[in-house]
Amino acid sequence: MKLGNICSITGGYAFDSRKMKSKGEYQIIKMGNLYNGVLDLTRNPSFIDNPTKKELEYLIHKNDILITLTGTVNKKDYGYTVQLNNPNNLLLNQRCALIKPLKINEKYLFYLLNSNNFFKQFYASSTGGTGNQTNVSINDMLNFNMYIANEKNQIIISEFLNKIDQRIETQIKIIDSIKSQKQQIRNILFNDIHQTPNCCVQDYVAYEQPQKYIVHDSNYLPYSKVLIPVLTANQSFILGYTSENDGVYKKGDCIIFDDFTNESKYVNFPFKVKSSALKILQTKEGLLLKFFYEYLQFLNFEAINHKRHYLSEVAITEINVPDLKKQSYVCKVLSSVDIKLKNEEIILKNYKLQKHFLLANLFV
């Protein structure tokens, strides 16, 4: 059955950017607000007041499904879908589309739009735009061939997948709670330690520039045991994998520190990096690397200006390096929380894999 037989698809509106402001009565939902399939109203918010009758035609209603239509050539950074439960004064911008069900279970339609069958046709229909931009047209989407279960099975499938989604949401909350607990424990431990500084960071920490570990080809490969991960110190951490075997960091555990954002990651495996905007840190005798990593998280250096921070601020920061016995105790306490966190993250990963398997096999 054609997708257009079971739903309507309407493109967003080209709102006048000159009318937009940082606060207002109606928020404009742009592609960035739907990134990774999560509605995030805090990402570069734009608002308008007193929308026209024409603009109000793009008001988003309860259970509407939104999808992003524009992305980057050879990447899958679009096609993100979000279903709105209780939208409040939200208007849909261009390069996004609004999808409404027609004689089909609305939740079933949402999962159908996240199935392998849908995405295979979605990315295959994509055509180039400006530069490395690529787009999917609404007319092409309406002609996608989709398998549709009968009404009874639509309800069964959607309710089952929805229960998995609910369990995933619960698991995410569990993980967030553990992270919060770890932060509280870390603060208690280091508030006491940091009272009496006895040295500077640079006295116990050596750094290495990353140039010889930078990956040559940024067209990353999917995960494989034989490939080398490419890292960033920022939130994404593992950007992808490379088959390059030259210039791999193999000196043991280290900390990668982003010189501009002040974010850091503890690394215990061989790797390459994306850019030169970081430092690779190793501790000297008398300071445990894990202890220093947790100390960095406690200090939580803010990146106020766009500049390199490590040598000018972090390296000269006064810290307290206690005896190794106390360092080991701190590491043991925080590592026990890390183990719990890792176990819960494995559970989350398994739920997501289960959902991925079902989406690949229930809609063919």
Protein backbone atom coordinates (compact mmCIF):
# COMPACT_ATOMS: atom_id res chain seq x y z
CA MET A 1 0.00 0.00 0.00
CA LYS A 2 1.19 3.55 -0.74
CA LEU A 3 2.10 5.67 2.26
CA GLY A 4 -0.16 8.40 0.88
CA ASN A 5 -3.18 6.09 1.30
CA ILE A 6 -2.79 5.90 5.06
CA CYS A 7 -1.61 9.40 6.02
CA SER A 8 -1.42 13.01 4.90
CA ILE A 9 1.95 14.77 4.71
CA THR A 10 2.26 18.55 4.78
CA GLY A 11 5.45 20.59 4.55
CA GLY A 12 6.31 23.24 7.10
CA TYR A 13 6.09 27.00 6.47
CA ALA A 14 8.89 29.39 5.52
CA PHE A 15 8.53 31.71 8.49
CA ASP A 16 10.09 35.15 8.11
CA SER A 17 13.31 35.11 10.14
CA ARG A 18 12.99 38.87 10.63
CA LYS A 19 9.90 38.29 12.76
CA MET A 20 11.59 35.71 14.97
CA LYS A 21 12.86 36.49 18.47
CA SER A 22 14.30 34.65 21.44
CA LYS A 23 11.03 34.72 23.42
CA GLY A 24 7.41 34.95 22.39
CA GLU A 25 3.92 33.47 22.24
CA TYR A 26 4.47 30.78 19.58
CA GLN A 27 7.65 28.73 19.14
CA ILE A 28 8.86 27.79 15.66
CA ILE A 29 9.84 24.11 15.48
CA LYS A 30 12.94 23.74 13.28
CA MET A 31 14.97 20.71 12.27
CA GLY A 32 17.37 21.22 15.18
CA ASN A 33 14.50 20.85 17.64
CA LEU A 34 13.85 17.31 16.31
CA TYR A 35 17.47 16.12 16.23
CA ASN A 36 17.94 12.39 16.97
CA GLY A 37 14.19 11.92 17.23
CA VAL A 38 13.89 13.92 20.45
CA LEU A 39 11.83 17.09 20.80
CA ASP A 40 14.22 19.63 22.33
CA LEU A 41 12.66 23.08 22.65
CA THR A 42 15.86 24.53 24.13
CA ARG A 43 18.00 24.18 20.98
CA ASN A 44 18.28 27.64 19.37
CA PRO A 45 14.67 28.55 20.18
CA SER A 46 12.84 30.98 17.87
CA PHE A 47 9.47 32.58 18.59
CA ILE A 48 6.90 34.83 16.93
CA ASP A 49 3.96 36.81 18.27
CA ASN A 50 0.60 37.38 16.65
CA PRO A 51 0.89 34.78 13.85
CA THR A 52 -1.16 35.40 10.70
CA LYS A 53 -4.07 33.19 9.65
CA LYS A 54 -1.76 31.55 7.10
CA GLU A 55 0.93 30.89 9.71
CA LEU A 56 -1.62 29.36 12.10
CA GLU A 57 -2.33 26.69 9.47
CA TYR A 58 1.01 25.17 10.57
CA LEU A 59 0.00 24.86 14.22
CA ILE A 60 0.97 21.44 15.60
CA HIS A 61 -1.75 19.39 17.33
CA LYS A 62 -1.83 16.44 19.71
CA ASN A 63 -0.48 13.16 18.24
CA ASP A 64 0.86 14.89 15.12
CA ILE A 65 4.05 13.28 13.80
CA LEU A 66 6.91 15.51 12.67
CA ILE A 67 9.81 14.49 10.42
CA THR A 68 12.95 16.27 9.19
CA LEU A 69 13.42 16.23 5.40
CA THR A 70 16.86 17.79 4.89
CA GLY A 71 20.29 16.47 5.82
CA THR A 72 23.87 15.97 4.72
CA VAL A 73 24.93 14.00 1.65
CA ASN A 74 26.09 10.46 2.56
CA LYS A 75 24.91 10.87 6.15
CA LYS A 76 21.74 9.82 7.90
CA ASP A 77 21.30 12.96 9.97
CA TYR A 78 17.69 13.50 8.89
CA GLY A 79 14.47 11.50 8.78
CA TYR A 80 14.10 12.04 12.53
CA THR A 81 10.50 11.60 13.71
CA VAL A 82 8.77 12.87 16.84
CA GLN A 83 5.17 12.37 17.91
CA LEU A 84 3.75 15.21 19.99
CA ASN A 85 1.60 14.31 22.99
CA ASN A 86 0.73 17.76 24.31
CA PRO A 87 2.06 20.50 22.02
CA ASN A 88 1.53 24.05 23.20
CA ASN A 89 1.63 26.88 20.68
CA LEU A 90 4.11 25.21 18.34
CA LEU A 91 4.39 26.07 14.63
CA LEU A 92 6.21 23.91 12.07
CA ASN A 93 9.03 25.45 10.05
CA GLN A 94 10.14 24.58 6.51
CA ARG A 95 12.33 21.51 5.80
CA CYS A 96 10.16 19.60 8.25
CA ALA A 97 6.87 17.87 7.51
CA LEU A 98 3.74 17.14 9.49
CA ILE A 99 2.20 13.67 9.15
CA LYS A 100 -1.38 12.87 10.15
CA PRO A 101 -2.89 9.34 10.13
CA LEU A 102 -5.81 8.44 7.85
CA LYS A 103 -7.69 5.30 8.93
CA ILE A 104 -4.63 3.83 10.64
CA ASN A 105 -3.59 3.49 14.27
CA GLU A 106 -1.60 6.68 14.98
CA LYS A 107 1.00 4.93 17.12
CA TYR A 108 1.39 2.17 14.54
CA LEU A 109 2.03 4.87 11.92
CA PHE A 110 4.73 6.39 14.10
CA TYR A 111 6.58 3.08 14.39
CA LEU A 112 6.05 2.42 10.67
CA LEU A 113 7.93 5.68 10.00
CA ASN A 114 10.82 4.32 12.09
CA SER A 115 11.01 0.95 10.34
CA ASN A 116 13.84 -0.27 8.12
CA ASN A 117 11.45 -0.50 5.16
CA PHE A 118 10.57 3.19 5.47
CA PHE A 119 14.16 4.38 5.91
CA LYS A 120 15.41 2.29 2.98
CA GLN A 121 13.01 4.14 0.67
CA PHE A 122 13.49 7.47 2.43
CA TYR A 123 17.26 7.68 1.93
CA ALA A 124 17.09 6.12 -1.57
CA SER A 125 14.75 8.92 -2.70
CA SER A 126 17.00 11.69 -1.39
CA THR A 127 18.27 14.22 -3.95
CA GLY A 128 20.98 16.86 -3.75
CA GLY A 129 20.36 20.44 -2.76
CA THR A 130 22.79 23.28 -2.11
CA GLY A 131 26.40 22.18 -1.53
CA ASN A 132 26.43 18.92 0.43
CA GLN A 133 22.76 19.27 1.37
CA THR A 134 20.26 16.57 0.42
CA ASN A 135 16.46 16.51 0.60
CA VAL A 136 13.51 14.12 0.48
CA SER A 137 10.33 15.36 -1.22
CA ILE A 138 6.85 14.89 0.19
CA ASN A 139 5.59 13.60 -3.18
CA ASP A 140 8.19 10.83 -3.11
CA MET A 141 7.22 9.90 0.44
CA LEU A 142 3.56 9.62 -0.47
CA ASN A 143 4.51 6.95 -3.03
CA PHE A 144 6.54 4.76 -0.67
CA ASN A 145 5.31 1.16 -0.66
CA MET A 146 4.51 0.09 2.90
CA TYR A 147 3.30 -3.15 4.47
CA ILE A 148 0.26 -2.42 6.65
CA ALA A 149 -0.99 -4.90 9.25
CA ASN A 150 -4.70 -5.36 9.85
CA GLU A 151 -6.40 -3.18 12.46
CA LYS A 152 -6.12 -5.76 15.26
CA ASN A 153 -2.42 -6.38 14.67
CA GLN A 154 -1.73 -2.65 14.38
CA ILE A 155 -2.91 -2.27 17.97
CA ILE A 156 -0.93 -5.30 19.18
CA ILE A 157 2.30 -4.19 17.47
CA SER A 158 2.05 -0.54 18.51
CA GLU A 159 1.21 -1.38 22.14
CA PHE A 160 4.12 -3.83 22.35
CA LEU A 161 6.62 -1.38 20.87
CA ASN A 162 5.24 1.37 23.08
CA LYS A 163 5.91 -0.77 26.18
CA ILE A 164 9.52 -1.19 25.05
CA ASP A 165 9.77 2.60 24.58
CA GLN A 166 8.40 3.13 28.08
CA ARG A 167 10.98 0.69 29.47
CA ILE A 168 13.73 2.52 27.57
CA GLU A 169 12.56 5.82 29.08
CA THR A 170 12.58 4.27 32.55
CA GLN A 171 16.06 2.88 31.99
CA ILE A 172 17.32 6.29 30.89
CA LYS A 173 15.93 7.79 34.11
CA ILE A 174 17.72 5.07 36.13
CA ILE A 175 21.00 5.91 34.40
CA ASP A 176 20.51 9.64 34.91
CA SER A 177 19.82 9.00 38.60
CA ILE A 178 23.05 7.00 38.99
CA LYS A 179 25.02 9.75 37.24
CA SER A 180 23.50 12.28 39.62
CA GLN A 181 24.38 10.11 42.63
CA LYS A 182 27.95 9.77 41.41
CA GLN A 183 28.25 13.53 41.07
CA GLN A 184 27.00 14.00 44.62
CA ILE A 185 29.44 11.40 45.98
CA ARG A 186 32.30 12.95 43.99
CA ASN A 187 31.49 16.40 45.36
CA ILE A 188 31.47 15.13 48.94
CA LEU A 189 34.85 13.40 48.51
CA PHE A 190 36.63 16.21 46.70
CA ASN A 191 35.15 19.10 48.70
CA ASP A 192 37.16 17.77 51.62
CA ILE A 193 40.30 17.03 49.58
CA HIS A 194 40.34 20.37 47.74
CA GLN A 195 40.33 22.37 50.99
CA THR A 196 44.13 22.34 51.25
CA PRO A 197 45.89 22.52 47.84
CA ASN A 198 49.54 21.47 47.90
CA CYS A 199 50.61 21.72 44.23
CA CYS A 200 49.54 22.69 40.71
CA VAL A 201 48.15 20.39 38.02
CA GLN A 202 51.29 20.79 35.89
CA ASP A 203 53.44 19.44 38.75
CA TYR A 204 51.86 16.00 38.41
CA VAL A 205 50.33 15.93 34.91
CA ALA A 206 52.16 15.76 31.58
CA TYR A 207 50.46 16.53 28.28
CA GLU A 208 51.06 15.48 24.69
CA GLN A 209 49.91 17.22 21.53
CA PRO A 210 47.68 14.95 19.38
CA GLN A 211 48.91 15.80 15.85
CA LYS A 212 50.51 12.44 15.10
CA TYR A 213 47.33 10.61 16.14
CA ILE A 214 44.92 12.55 13.89
CA VAL A 215 42.92 10.41 11.45
CA HIS A 216 43.54 11.10 7.75
CA ASP A 217 40.16 10.04 6.34
CA SER A 218 37.07 11.37 8.13
CA ASN A 219 34.70 9.03 6.26
CA TYR A 220 34.35 6.81 9.30
CA LEU A 221 33.43 3.15 9.21
CA PRO A 222 30.86 1.31 11.38
CA TYR A 223 32.00 -0.65 14.42
CA SER A 224 34.28 -3.66 13.97
CA LYS A 225 36.64 -5.35 16.42
CA VAL A 226 39.54 -4.95 13.98
CA LEU A 227 39.04 -1.19 13.44
CA ILE A 228 40.40 1.71 15.50
CA PRO A 229 37.96 4.12 17.18
CA VAL A 230 38.24 7.83 16.38
CA LEU A 231 37.63 9.95 19.48
CA THR A 232 36.63 13.40 20.56
CA ALA A 233 36.63 14.66 24.15
CA ASN A 234 33.13 16.05 23.70
CA GLN A 235 29.80 14.37 24.35
CA SER A 236 29.77 12.09 21.29
CA PHE A 237 33.16 10.58 22.34
CA ILE A 238 33.45 7.87 19.62
CA LEU A 239 32.90 9.52 16.24
CA GLY A 240 33.35 6.31 14.25
CA TYR A 241 36.03 3.81 13.28
CA THR A 242 38.99 3.75 10.90
CA SER A 243 41.14 1.09 9.25
CA GLU A 244 44.23 3.32 9.54
CA ASN A 245 46.90 1.52 11.56
CA ASP A 246 49.51 4.30 11.59
CA GLY A 247 49.57 6.96 14.28
CA VAL A 248 47.47 5.00 16.78
CA TYR A 249 47.80 5.98 20.45
CA LYS A 250 48.91 2.82 22.28
CA LYS A 251 50.57 4.16 25.42
CA GLY A 252 48.00 2.87 27.87
CA ASP A 253 45.28 4.65 29.82
CA CYS A 254 45.07 8.41 29.34
CA ILE A 255 42.74 11.39 29.48
CA ILE A 256 41.82 13.31 26.35
CA PHE A 257 41.05 16.94 27.12
CA ASP A 258 39.33 19.31 24.69
CA ASP A 259 41.33 22.53 24.78
CA PHE A 260 38.34 24.69 23.80
CA THR A 261 35.37 23.17 25.68
CA ASN A 262 37.31 21.82 28.70
CA GLU A 263 35.50 18.49 28.38
CA SER A 264 37.48 15.33 29.09
CA LYS A 265 37.21 11.58 28.64
CA TYR A 266 39.04 8.69 30.31
CA VAL A 267 40.36 6.29 27.64
CA ASN A 268 41.67 2.75 28.24
CA PHE A 269 42.02 1.47 24.66
CA PRO A 270 44.05 2.32 21.51
CA PHE A 271 42.59 5.20 19.47
CA LYS A 272 43.00 7.98 16.94
CA VAL A 273 41.55 11.50 17.18
CA LYS A 274 39.73 13.86 14.87
CA SER A 275 41.45 17.20 15.48
CA SER A 276 44.36 18.95 17.13
CA ALA A 277 42.11 20.87 19.52
CA LEU A 278 42.86 18.62 22.48
CA LYS A 279 45.58 17.48 24.82
CA ILE A 280 46.42 13.89 25.79
CA LEU A 281 47.10 13.77 29.53
CA GLN A 282 49.16 11.33 31.58
CA THR A 283 49.87 11.58 35.31
CA LYS A 284 53.32 11.34 36.86
CA GLU A 285 54.38 9.19 39.79
CA GLY A 286 52.36 9.96 42.91
CA LEU A 287 49.08 10.78 41.17
CA LEU A 288 46.67 8.09 39.98
CA LEU A 289 45.19 8.80 36.55
CA LYS A 290 41.67 7.79 37.60
CA PHE A 291 41.88 10.05 40.65
CA PHE A 292 42.94 13.01 38.53
CA TYR A 293 40.17 12.33 36.00
CA GLU A 294 37.55 12.47 38.76
CA TYR A 295 39.24 15.58 40.13
CA LEU A 296 38.82 17.23 36.72
CA GLN A 297 35.10 16.41 36.74
CA PHE A 298 34.85 17.94 40.21
CA LEU A 299 36.66 21.13 39.18
CA ASN A 300 34.35 21.40 36.15
CA PHE A 301 36.25 24.12 34.29
CA GLU A 302 33.91 26.41 32.36
CA ALA A 303 34.76 27.43 28.80
CA ILE A 304 33.63 31.04 28.76
CA ASN A 305 35.68 32.25 25.81
CA HIS A 306 36.60 30.48 22.57
CA LYS A 307 40.27 29.93 23.29
CA ARG A 308 42.68 27.20 24.36
CA HIS A 309 42.35 26.72 28.11
CA TYR A 310 44.65 23.94 29.24
CA LEU A 311 48.02 25.71 29.53
CA SER A 312 46.61 29.11 30.48
CA GLU A 313 44.12 27.92 33.12
CA VAL A 314 43.94 24.21 33.86
CA ALA A 315 47.67 23.40 34.13
CA ILE A 316 48.27 26.18 36.66
CA THR A 317 45.24 25.35 38.83
CA GLU A 318 46.08 24.51 42.42
CA ILE A 319 45.00 21.05 43.56
CA ASN A 320 45.62 18.73 46.49
CA VAL A 321 47.32 15.41 45.81
CA PRO A 322 46.79 13.22 48.91
CA ASP A 323 48.69 10.02 49.62
CA LEU A 324 48.12 7.06 47.32
CA LYS A 325 46.06 5.23 49.94
CA LYS A 326 43.44 7.97 50.01
CA GLN A 327 43.55 8.31 46.21
CA SER A 328 42.91 4.57 45.89
CA TYR A 329 39.97 4.79 48.29
CA VAL A 330 38.37 7.59 46.25
CA CYS A 331 38.91 5.65 43.03
CA LYS A 332 37.41 2.50 44.53
CA VAL A 333 34.27 4.29 45.71
CA LEU A 334 33.65 6.03 42.39
CA SER A 335 34.57 2.96 40.32
CA SER A 336 31.92 0.93 42.15
CA VAL A 337 29.34 3.45 40.92
CA ASP A 338 30.84 3.22 37.42
CA ILE A 339 30.30 -0.55 37.42
CA LYS A 340 26.65 -0.09 38.36
CA LEU A 341 26.29 2.56 35.68
CA LYS A 342 27.88 0.36 33.03
CA ASN A 343 25.56 -2.54 33.86
CA GLU A 344 22.50 -0.31 33.53
CA GLU A 345 23.79 1.07 30.22
CA ILE A 346 24.14 -2.51 28.93
CA ILE A 347 20.50 -3.13 29.84
CA LEU A 348 19.52 0.04 27.95
CA LYS A 349 21.53 -1.04 24.93
CA ASN A 350 19.80 -4.42 24.91
CA TYR A 351 16.35 -2.82 24.99
CA LYS A 352 17.31 -0.60 22.07
CA LEU A 353 18.64 -3.59 20.14
CA GLN A 354 15.39 -5.44 20.80
CA LYS A 355 13.40 -2.47 19.48
CA HIS A 356 15.70 -2.21 16.43
CA PHE A 357 15.19 -5.90 15.66
CA LEU A 358 11.41 -5.57 15.89
CA LEU A 359 11.33 -2.47 13.68
CA ALA A 360 13.37 -4.39 11.11
CA ASN A 361 11.08 -7.41 11.07
CA LEU A 362 7.51 -6.32 11.90
CA PHE A 363 6.99 -4.00 8.92
CA VAL A 364 8.16 -6.10 5.94
